[in-house]
C-alpha atoms as a PDB file:
ATOM      1  CA  MET A   1       0.000   0.000   0.000  1.00  0.00           C
ATOM      2  CA  SER A   2       1.363   3.417  -0.960  1.00  0.00           C
ATOM      3  CA  VAL A   3       1.726   6.267   1.532  1.00  0.00           C
ATOM      4  CA  GLU A   4      -1.133   8.120  -0.176  1.00  0.00           C
ATOM      5  CA  GLU A   5      -3.421   5.092   0.116  1.00  0.00           C
ATOM      6  CA  ASP A   6      -2.429   4.573   3.745  1.00  0.00           C
ATOM      7  CA  ILE A   7      -3.192   8.216   4.600  1.00  0.00           C
ATOM      8  CA  LYS A   8      -6.561   7.922   2.860  1.00  0.00           C
ATOM      9  CA  LYS A   9      -7.311   4.792   4.886  1.00  0.00           C
ATOM     10  CA  PHE A  10      -6.424   6.589   8.135  1.00  0.00           C
ATOM     11  CA  ASN A  11      -8.620   9.584   7.254  1.00  0.00           C
ATOM     12  CA  LYS A  12     -11.553   7.283   6.526  1.00  0.00           C
ATOM     13  CA  LYS A  13     -11.064   5.395   9.791  1.00  0.00           C
ATOM     14  CA  HIS A  14     -10.533   8.472  11.982  1.00  0.00           C
ATOM     15  CA  PRO A  15     -12.414  11.337  10.296  1.00  0.00           C
ATOM     16  CA  TRP A  16     -12.795  14.835  11.677  1.00  0.00           C
ATOM     17  CA  PRO A  17     -16.333  15.659  12.893  1.00  0.00           C
ATOM     18  CA  GLY A  18     -17.161  17.737   9.826  1.00  0.00           C
ATOM     19  CA  VAL A  19     -16.582  14.743   7.569  1.00  0.00           C
ATOM     20  CA  ASP A  20     -19.202  12.858   9.584  1.00  0.00           C
ATOM     21  CA  GLY A  21     -21.624  15.795   9.415  1.00  0.00           C
ATOM     22  CA  ILE A  22     -21.163  16.562  13.125  1.00  0.00           C
ATOM     23  CA  LYS A  23     -21.444  20.241  14.101  1.00  0.00           C
ATOM     24  CA  SER A  24     -21.162  19.891  17.882  1.00  0.00           C
ATOM     25  CA  LEU A  25     -19.115  17.815  20.301  1.00  0.00           C
ATOM     26  CA  TYR A  26     -19.783  17.485  24.028  1.00  0.00           C
ATOM     27  CA  ARG A  27     -17.646  17.195  27.132  1.00  0.00           C
ATOM     28  CA  PHE A  28     -18.881  16.347  30.630  1.00  0.00           C
ATOM     29  CA  HIS A  29     -17.489  17.732  33.887  1.00  0.00           C
ATOM     30  CA  LYS A  30     -17.778  17.176  37.601  1.00  0.00           C
ATOM     31  CA  ILE A  31     -17.254  20.037  40.050  1.00  0.00           C
ATOM     32  CA  ASP A  32     -14.786  19.376  42.857  1.00  0.00           C
ATOM     33  CA  THR A  33     -11.548  20.742  44.284  1.00  0.00           C
ATOM     34  CA  GLY A  34      -9.513  18.834  41.705  1.00  0.00           C
ATOM     35  CA  SER A  35     -11.314  20.392  38.740  1.00  0.00           C
ATOM     36  CA  ILE A  36     -11.815  24.016  39.824  1.00  0.00           C
ATOM     37  CA  ASN A  37      -8.469  25.266  38.503  1.00  0.00           C
ATOM     38  CA  PHE A  38      -9.093  23.691  35.098  1.00  0.00           C
ATOM     39  CA  LEU A  39     -12.604  25.147  34.936  1.00  0.00           C
ATOM     40  CA  GLU A  40     -11.310  28.607  35.849  1.00  0.00           C
ATOM     41  CA  GLU A  41      -8.668  28.393  33.119  1.00  0.00           C
ATOM     42  CA  LEU A  42     -11.314  27.270  30.647  1.00  0.00           C
ATOM     43  CA  PHE A  43     -14.035  29.838  31.354  1.00  0.00           C
ATOM     44  CA  LEU A  44     -11.833  32.818  32.226  1.00  0.00           C
ATOM     45  CA  ASN A  45      -8.899  32.328  29.858  1.00  0.00           C
ATOM     46  CA  GLY A  46     -10.232  30.040  27.123  1.00  0.00           C
ATOM     47  CA  LYS A  47      -7.711  27.289  27.890  1.00  0.00           C
ATOM     48  CA  LEU A  48      -8.951  23.773  27.118  1.00  0.00           C
ATOM     49  CA  TYR A  49      -6.956  21.357  29.277  1.00  0.00           C
ATOM     50  CA  HIS A  50      -5.474  18.279  27.598  1.00  0.00           C
ATOM     51  CA  ALA A  51      -4.608  15.416  29.945  1.00  0.00           C
ATOM     52  CA  LEU A  52      -1.700  13.018  29.754  1.00  0.00           C
ATOM     53  CA  PRO A  53      -2.608   9.374  28.955  1.00  0.00           C
ATOM     54  CA  THR A  54      -1.505   8.363  32.468  1.00  0.00           C
ATOM     55  CA  GLN A  55      -4.324  10.505  33.877  1.00  0.00           C
ATOM     56  CA  PHE A  56      -7.036   8.497  32.098  1.00  0.00           C
ATOM     57  CA  ASN A  57      -9.079   5.720  33.699  1.00  0.00           C
ATOM     58  CA  ASP A  58      -8.118   3.152  31.036  1.00  0.00           C
ATOM     59  CA  PRO A  59      -4.611   1.730  31.745  1.00  0.00           C
ATOM     60  CA  PHE A  60      -4.307   0.591  28.122  1.00  0.00           C
ATOM     61  CA  GLU A  61      -4.307   4.184  26.857  1.00  0.00           C
ATOM     62  CA  CYS A  62      -1.413   4.988  24.497  1.00  0.00           C
ATOM     63  CA  ARG A  63       0.548   1.807  25.196  1.00  0.00           C
ATOM     64  CA  PRO A  64       0.763   0.285  21.727  1.00  0.00           C
ATOM     65  CA  HIS A  65       2.505  -3.004  20.984  1.00  0.00           C
ATOM     66  CA  PHE A  66       5.642  -3.169  18.832  1.00  0.00           C
ATOM     67  CA  ASN A  67       6.817  -6.117  16.733  1.00  0.00           C
ATOM     68  CA  TRP A  68      10.276  -6.212  15.204  1.00  0.00           C
ATOM     69  CA  PRO A  69       9.722  -6.018  11.423  1.00  0.00           C
ATOM     70  CA  SER A  70      10.618  -8.907   9.134  1.00  0.00           C
ATOM     71  CA  ASN A  71      10.967  -6.533   6.169  1.00  0.00           C
ATOM     72  CA  PRO A  72      14.680  -5.577   5.708  1.00  0.00           C
ATOM     73  CA  ASN A  73      13.661  -2.138   4.452  1.00  0.00           C
ATOM     74  CA  LYS A  74      11.835  -1.470   7.731  1.00  0.00           C
ATOM     75  CA  VAL A  75      14.921  -2.566   9.675  1.00  0.00           C
ATOM     76  CA  ARG A  76      17.034  -0.137   7.646  1.00  0.00           C
ATOM     77  CA  ASP A  77      14.542   2.631   8.441  1.00  0.00           C
ATOM     78  CA  ILE A  78      14.905   1.890  12.157  1.00  0.00           C
ATOM     79  CA  ARG A  79      18.693   2.008  11.885  1.00  0.00           C
ATOM     80  CA  LYS A  80      18.584   5.334  10.010  1.00  0.00           C
ATOM     81  CA  ARG A  81      16.259   6.804  12.619  1.00  0.00           C
ATOM     82  CA  LEU A  82      18.497   5.748  15.503  1.00  0.00           C
ATOM     83  CA  ILE A  83      21.577   7.157  13.765  1.00  0.00           C
ATOM     84  CA  LYS A  84      19.746  10.465  13.319  1.00  0.00           C
ATOM     85  CA  VAL A  85      18.809  10.523  17.013  1.00  0.00           C
ATOM     86  CA  ALA A  86      22.429   9.849  17.994  1.00  0.00           C
ATOM     87  CA  ARG A  87      23.685  12.611  15.691  1.00  0.00           C
ATOM     88  CA  ASP A  88      21.063  15.028  17.023  1.00  0.00           C
ATOM     89  CA  ASN A  89      22.519  14.311  20.466  1.00  0.00           C
ATOM     90  CA  GLY A  90      25.999  15.401  19.359  1.00  0.00           C
ATOM     91  CA  SER A  91      27.631  12.264  17.936  1.00  0.00           C
ATOM     92  CA  THR A  92      29.546  12.341  14.668  1.00  0.00           C
ATOM     93  CA  LYS A  93      28.261  10.168  11.838  1.00  0.00           C
ATOM     94  CA  LYS A  94      30.933   7.541  12.520  1.00  0.00           C
ATOM     95  CA  GLU A  95      30.255   7.570  16.260  1.00  0.00           C
ATOM     96  CA  ALA A  96      26.494   7.363  15.703  1.00  0.00           C
ATOM     97  CA  GLU A  97      26.805   4.388  13.353  1.00  0.00           C
ATOM     98  CA  LYS A  98      29.026   2.577  15.884  1.00  0.00           C
ATOM     99  CA  ILE A  99      26.660   3.283  18.789  1.00  0.00           C
ATOM    100  CA  VAL A 100      23.646   2.051  16.822  1.00  0.00           C
ATOM    101  CA  SER A 101      25.412  -1.077  15.555  1.00  0.00           C
ATOM    102  CA  GLU A 102      26.511  -2.002  19.064  1.00  0.00           C
ATOM    103  CA  ASN A 103      23.072  -1.428  20.553  1.00  0.00           C
ATOM    104  CA  MET A 104      21.192  -3.296  17.818  1.00  0.00           C
ATOM    105  CA  SER A 105      23.294  -6.383  18.533  1.00  0.00           C
ATOM    106  CA  LYS A 106      22.568  -6.348  22.267  1.00  0.00           C
ATOM    107  CA  GLU A 107      20.027  -8.608  23.928  1.00  0.00           C
ATOM    108  CA  GLY A 108      16.970  -6.646  25.013  1.00  0.00           C
ATOM    109  CA  PHE A 109      17.506  -3.963  22.375  1.00  0.00           C
ATOM    110  CA  VAL A 110      13.822  -3.885  21.372  1.00  0.00           C
ATOM    111  CA  GLU A 111      12.508  -3.726  24.945  1.00  0.00           C
ATOM    112  CA  ASN A 112      15.094  -1.337  26.379  1.00  0.00           C
ATOM    113  CA  ILE A 113      15.526   1.112  23.508  1.00  0.00           C
ATOM    114  CA  ILE A 114      12.821   0.886  20.822  1.00  0.00           C
ATOM    115  CA  TYR A 115       9.861   0.124  23.048  1.00  0.00           C
ATOM    116  CA  LYS A 116      10.903   2.676  25.657  1.00  0.00           C
ATOM    117  CA  ALA A 117      11.290   5.330  22.945  1.00  0.00           C
ATOM    118  CA  ILE A 118       7.794   4.569  21.635  1.00  0.00           C
ATOM    119  CA  GLN A 119       6.249   4.639  25.105  1.00  0.00           C
ATOM    120  CA  ASN A 120       7.991   7.911  25.926  1.00  0.00           C
ATOM    121  CA  THR A 121       6.555   9.511  22.785  1.00  0.00           C
ATOM    122  CA  PHE A 122       2.983   8.497  23.596  1.00  0.00           C
ATOM    123  CA  ARG A 123       3.293   9.382  27.278  1.00  0.00           C
ATOM    124  CA  LYS A 124       3.993  13.001  26.277  1.00  0.00           C
ATOM    125  CA  MET A 125       0.885  13.329  24.110  1.00  0.00           C
ATOM    126  CA  ARG A 126      -1.910  15.409  25.579  1.00  0.00           C
ATOM    127  CA  ILE A 127      -5.497  14.444  24.814  1.00  0.00           C
ATOM    128  CA  CYS A 128      -8.952  15.954  25.279  1.00  0.00           C
ATOM    129  CA  CYS A 129     -11.995  13.701  24.865  1.00  0.00           C
ATOM    130  CA  PHE A 130     -15.441  14.528  23.500  1.00  0.00           C
ATOM    131  CA  THR A 131     -18.593  12.648  22.597  1.00  0.00           C
ATOM    132  CA  LYS A 132     -21.416  13.146  20.093  1.00  0.00           C
ATOM    133  CA  SER A 133     -24.393  13.591  22.426  1.00  0.00           C
ATOM    134  CA  LYS A 134     -25.452  15.372  25.613  1.00  0.00           C
ATOM    135  CA  ASP A 135     -28.160  12.774  26.327  1.00  0.00           C
ATOM    136  CA  ASN A 136     -26.045   9.745  27.272  1.00  0.00           C
ATOM    137  CA  LEU A 137     -27.098   8.803  30.807  1.00  0.00           C
ATOM    138  CA  LEU A 138     -23.877   6.856  31.409  1.00  0.00           C
ATOM    139  CA  PHE A 139     -21.838   9.973  30.686  1.00  0.00           C
ATOM    140  CA  TRP A 140     -23.885  11.994  33.131  1.00  0.00           C
ATOM    141  CA  ALA A 141     -23.346   9.278  35.727  1.00  0.00           C
ATOM    142  CA  HIS A 142     -19.646   8.543  35.134  1.00  0.00           C
ATOM    143  CA  TYR A 143     -18.187  11.902  34.082  1.00  0.00           C
ATOM    144  CA  ALA A 144     -20.620  14.455  35.527  1.00  0.00           C
ATOM    145  CA  ASP A 145     -20.718  13.100  39.071  1.00  0.00           C
ATOM    146  CA  SER A 146     -24.110  11.375  38.847  1.00  0.00           C
ATOM    147  CA  HIS A 147     -25.830  14.413  37.287  1.00  0.00           C
ATOM    148  CA  LYS A 148     -24.293  16.815  39.830  1.00  0.00           C
ATOM    149  CA  GLY A 149     -21.960  18.263  37.203  1.00  0.00           C
ATOM    150  CA  PHE A 150     -22.526  19.780  33.789  1.00  0.00           C
ATOM    151  CA  CYS A 151     -21.930  19.335  30.070  1.00  0.00           C
ATOM    152  CA  ILE A 152     -20.341  21.748  27.589  1.00  0.00           C
ATOM    153  CA  GLU A 153     -21.321  21.837  23.921  1.00  0.00           C
ATOM    154  CA  TYR A 154     -18.425  22.868  21.673  1.00  0.00           C
ATOM    155  CA  ASP A 155     -18.648  24.149  18.125  1.00  0.00           C
ATOM    156  CA  ALA A 156     -17.102  21.385  16.032  1.00  0.00           C
ATOM    157  CA  THR A 157     -16.933  23.549  12.914  1.00  0.00           C
ATOM    158  CA  ILE A 158     -14.090  25.757  14.170  1.00  0.00           C
ATOM    159  CA  ILE A 159     -10.479  25.143  15.196  1.00  0.00           C
ATOM    160  CA  PRO A 160      -9.360  23.433  17.370  1.00  0.00           C
ATOM    161  CA  ILE A 161     -12.490  21.293  17.956  1.00  0.00           C
ATOM    162  CA  LYS A 162     -12.939  20.690  14.224  1.00  0.00           C
ATOM    163  CA  LEU A 163      -9.561  18.890  14.282  1.00  0.00           C
ATOM    164  CA  ALA A 164     -10.786  16.185  16.681  1.00  0.00           C
ATOM    165  CA  PHE A 165     -10.224  12.639  15.406  1.00  0.00           C
ATOM    166  CA  LYS A 166     -12.837   9.904  15.670  1.00  0.00           C
ATOM    167  CA  VAL A 167     -11.860   7.023  17.956  1.00  0.00           C
ATOM    168  CA  THR A 168     -12.358   3.462  16.740  1.00  0.00           C
ATOM    169  CA  TYR A 169     -13.125   0.474  18.965  1.00  0.00           C
ATOM    170  CA  GLU A 170     -11.471  -2.805  18.153  1.00  0.00           C
ATOM    171  CA  ASN A 171     -10.716  -6.243  19.575  1.00  0.00           C
ATOM    172  CA  GLU A 172      -7.170  -6.206  18.254  1.00  0.00           C
ATOM    173  CA  TYR A 173      -4.607  -4.380  20.390  1.00  0.00           C
ATOM    174  CA  PRO A 174      -3.003  -1.439  18.532  1.00  0.00           C
ATOM    175  CA  GLU A 175       0.451  -1.917  17.072  1.00  0.00           C
ATOM    176  CA  VAL A 176       2.880   0.837  16.179  1.00  0.00           C
ATOM    177  CA  GLU A 177       5.711   1.224  13.683  1.00  0.00           C
ATOM    178  CA  TYR A 178       9.109   2.661  14.486  1.00  0.00           C
ATOM    179  CA  PRO A 179       9.926   5.187  13.296  1.00  0.00           C
ATOM    180  CA  ARG A 180       6.357   6.459  13.372  1.00  0.00           C
ATOM    181  CA  PRO A 181       4.943   8.266  10.325  1.00  0.00           C
ATOM    182  CA  GLU A 182       5.405  12.016  10.767  1.00  0.00           C
ATOM    183  CA  ASP A 183       1.842  12.772   9.621  1.00  0.00           C
ATOM    184  CA  ALA A 184      -1.425  12.068  11.467  1.00  0.00           C
ATOM    185  CA  ARG A 185      -1.022   8.312  10.995  1.00  0.00           C
ATOM    186  CA  GLY A 186       1.538   8.379  13.786  1.00  0.00           C
ATOM    187  CA  LEU A 187      -1.286   9.256  16.202  1.00  0.00           C
ATOM    188  CA  GLU A 188      -3.378   6.172  15.457  1.00  0.00           C
ATOM    189  CA  PRO A 189      -2.481   4.124  18.570  1.00  0.00           C
ATOM    190  CA  ALA A 190      -3.969   6.984  20.621  1.00  0.00           C
ATOM    191  CA  LEU A 191      -7.203   6.672  18.616  1.00  0.00           C
ATOM    192  CA  ILE A 192      -7.903   2.959  19.140  1.00  0.00           C
ATOM    193  CA  LYS A 193      -9.657   1.601  22.228  1.00  0.00           C
ATOM    194  CA  SER A 194     -11.208  -1.671  23.324  1.00  0.00           C
ATOM    195  CA  LYS A 195     -14.739  -2.408  22.129  1.00  0.00           C
ATOM    196  CA  ASP A 196     -15.783  -2.254  25.793  1.00  0.00           C
ATOM    197  CA  TRP A 197     -15.684   1.553  25.421  1.00  0.00           C
ATOM    198  CA  GLU A 198     -17.703   1.682  22.208  1.00  0.00           C
ATOM    199  CA  TYR A 199     -20.710   3.335  23.865  1.00  0.00           C
ATOM    200  CA  GLU A 200     -18.640   6.518  24.305  1.00  0.00           C
ATOM    201  CA  ASN A 201     -18.676   7.460  20.579  1.00  0.00           C
ATOM    202  CA  GLU A 202     -15.525   9.427  21.272  1.00  0.00           C
ATOM    203  CA  TYR A 203     -13.611  12.101  19.392  1.00  0.00           C
ATOM    204  CA  ARG A 204     -10.230  13.373  20.516  1.00  0.00           C
ATOM    205  CA  THR A 205      -8.108  16.430  20.005  1.00  0.00           C
ATOM    206  CA  ILE A 206      -4.433  15.607  20.412  1.00  0.00           C
ATOM    207  CA  TYR A 207      -2.016  18.275  21.537  1.00  0.00           C
ATOM    208  CA  ILE A 208       1.731  17.818  21.104  1.00  0.00           C
ATOM    209  CA  PRO A 209       3.256  21.083  22.359  1.00  0.00           C
ATOM    210  CA  GLU A 210       6.559  20.729  20.491  1.00  0.00           C
ATOM    211  CA  ALA A 211       4.871  19.872  17.174  1.00  0.00           C
ATOM    212  CA  GLN A 212       4.669  22.787  14.736  1.00  0.00           C
ATOM    213  CA  SER A 213       1.320  21.513  13.452  1.00  0.00           C
ATOM    214  CA  SER A 214      -0.371  21.725  16.885  1.00  0.00           C
ATOM    215  CA  PRO A 215      -2.859  24.572  17.408  1.00  0.00           C
ATOM    216  CA  PRO A 216      -1.760  27.392  19.756  1.00  0.00           C
ATOM    217  CA  GLY A 217      -1.490  26.490  23.421  1.00  0.00           C
ATOM    218  CA  ASP A 218       0.486  26.902  26.622  1.00  0.00           C
ATOM    219  CA  GLY A 219       2.028  23.441  26.868  1.00  0.00           C
ATOM    220  CA  ILE A 220      -0.895  21.737  28.599  1.00  0.00           C
ATOM    221  CA  SER A 221      -3.948  23.429  27.078  1.00  0.00           C
ATOM    222  CA  MET A 222      -5.195  24.490  23.656  1.00  0.00           C
ATOM    223  CA  LEU A 223      -6.455  28.039  23.277  1.00  0.00           C
ATOM    224  CA  LEU A 224     -10.112  28.424  22.291  1.00  0.00           C
ATOM    225  CA  PRO A 225     -11.711  31.263  20.310  1.00  0.00           C
ATOM    226  CA  LYS A 226     -14.569  33.062  22.057  1.00  0.00           C
ATOM    227  CA  ASN A 227     -17.220  31.357  19.915  1.00  0.00           C
ATOM    228  CA  ALA A 228     -15.998  27.820  20.709  1.00  0.00           C
ATOM    229  CA  ILE A 229     -18.559  27.136  23.460  1.00  0.00           C
ATOM    230  CA  LYS A 230     -22.174  27.094  22.272  1.00  0.00           C
ATOM    231  CA  ASN A 231     -24.188  25.771  25.229  1.00  0.00           C
ATOM    232  CA  ILE A 232     -23.852  24.788  28.870  1.00  0.00           C
ATOM    233  CA  TYR A 233     -26.120  22.048  30.274  1.00  0.00           C
ATOM    234  CA  PHE A 234     -26.386  21.723  34.054  1.00  0.00           C
ATOM    235  CA  GLY A 235     -27.114  18.307  35.549  1.00  0.00           C
ATOM    236  CA  SER A 236     -30.464  17.586  37.109  1.00  0.00           C
ATOM    237  CA  ASP A 237     -28.933  17.222  40.597  1.00  0.00           C
ATOM    238  CA  ILE A 238     -26.378  20.016  40.491  1.00  0.00           C
ATOM    239  CA  GLU A 239     -25.987  21.967  43.732  1.00  0.00           C
ATOM    240  CA  GLU A 240     -27.215  25.528  43.385  1.00  0.00           C
ATOM    241  CA  SER A 241     -23.968  26.938  44.791  1.00  0.00           C
ATOM    242  CA  ASN A 242     -21.931  25.095  42.165  1.00  0.00           C
ATOM    243  CA  LYS A 243     -24.248  26.246  39.420  1.00  0.00           C
ATOM    244  CA  LYS A 244     -23.909  29.874  40.513  1.00  0.00           C
ATOM    245  CA  MET A 245     -20.129  29.514  40.656  1.00  0.00           C
ATOM    246  CA  ILE A 246     -19.941  28.232  37.081  1.00  0.00           C
ATOM    247  CA  LEU A 247     -22.270  30.956  35.837  1.00  0.00           C
ATOM    248  CA  LYS A 248     -20.132  33.570  37.572  1.00  0.00           C
ATOM    249  CA  LEU A 249     -16.990  32.250  35.903  1.00  0.00           C
ATOM    250  CA  ILE A 250     -18.698  32.302  32.498  1.00  0.00           C
ATOM    251  CA  SER A 251     -19.877  35.880  33.026  1.00  0.00           C
ATOM    252  CA  LYS A 252     -16.273  37.011  33.585  1.00  0.00           C
ATOM    253  CA  GLY A 253     -14.819  35.251  30.551  1.00  0.00           C
ATOM    254  CA  PRO A 254     -14.904  35.503  26.750  1.00  0.00           C
ATOM    255  CA  PHE A 255     -17.721  33.001  26.125  1.00  0.00           C
ATOM    256  CA  ASN A 256     -21.422  33.708  25.786  1.00  0.00           C
ATOM    257  CA  PRO A 257     -23.159  30.319  25.708  1.00  0.00           C
ATOM    258  CA  GLN A 258     -26.821  29.512  26.063  1.00  0.00           C
ATOM    259  CA  VAL A 259     -27.570  28.012  29.490  1.00  0.00           C
ATOM    260  CA  TRP A 260     -29.789  24.970  29.993  1.00  0.00           C
ATOM    261  CA  GLN A 261     -31.012  23.056  33.039  1.00  0.00           C
ATOM    262  CA  ALA A 262     -31.590  19.312  32.832  1.00  0.00           C
ATOM    263  CA  SER A 263     -34.500  17.591  34.508  1.00  0.00           C
ATOM    264  CA  LEU A 264     -35.635  13.973  34.565  1.00  0.00           C
ATOM    265  CA  SER A 265     -38.497  13.055  32.291  1.00  0.00           C
ATOM    266  CA  LYS A 266     -41.556  11.826  34.177  1.00  0.00           C
ATOM    267  CA  SER A 267     -42.504   9.277  31.537  1.00  0.00           C
ATOM    268  CA  SER A 268     -39.221   7.755  30.272  1.00  0.00           C
ATOM    269  CA  PHE A 269     -35.498   7.316  30.931  1.00  0.00           C
ATOM    270  CA  TYR A 270     -34.738  10.618  29.266  1.00  0.00           C
ATOM    271  CA  LEU A 271     -33.413  14.077  30.146  1.00  0.00           C
ATOM    272  CA  GLU A 272     -35.331  17.243  29.350  1.00  0.00           C
ATOM    273  CA  PHE A 273     -33.481  20.552  29.012  1.00  0.00           C
ATOM    274  CA  ILE A 274     -34.973  23.949  29.837  1.00  0.00           C
ATOM    275  CA  ASN A 275     -33.355  27.081  28.426  1.00  0.00           C
ATOM    276  CA  GLU A 276     -32.453  29.421  31.289  1.00  0.00           C
ATOM    277  CA  SER A 277     -30.328  31.882  29.343  1.00  0.00           C
ATOM    278  CA  SER A 278     -32.611  34.833  30.051  1.00  0.00           C
ATOM    279  CA  ASN A 279     -32.572  33.988  33.762  1.00  0.00           C
ATOM    280  CA  SER A 280     -28.772  33.899  33.883  1.00  0.00           C
ATOM    281  CA  ALA A 281     -28.270  37.313  32.293  1.00  0.00           C
END
């Protein structure tokens, strides 16, 4: 398969929301001492926090498998990459070639050098997760503190939210190449999860601070334009003091979302949302 065909395959597997006809993406929040700083940064300064994979509740996150390639051309690519790394660290070409040759002949080379390099790369990625709906009761339970939190609707037609990749759910554990492709294909192991998580219908923005292609940020957060947040939905059991605190933060920041209050339907397992924007002005 050519590089062009492989890129096309990746784009089809992990499309941006606009390709899927999605105009909004949603993110759920609880309100506690651990989240206040992030919420203040978001609502006051437009900084969308991106977590490290080690902060997620799935221990399989960004830990792809690596198999030593049987293709001699792939082995040569690995050798070239390692020589480049050695030279970037100050070695001469001759010194770099010697270092790489010696290391490639050592027992445990794959585990101690290649695999560690791959893991280090993915550990430094920063990720923000979204879903396609505000109505998922499991999300309200798991991520919004049993309906005591709230949900934010983001505009998925503008940067950076429009650059979120669709996550796929598979039975096969993700495998990675070394060296990784320098385009978006290199992100794929961060976009594959177990089928057990399929109900999440997830999209992800991936922030790599040192990458020139990453949207503007401060090293841990992406910067949002003032029209990025469209609506705020408060959980049916949110405490009034927490609700007032969030509304106060919003009033001091750059965003001007519509405000909605969730309530439980009296006839089905469904949430109803009442627009309270005029009341919050």
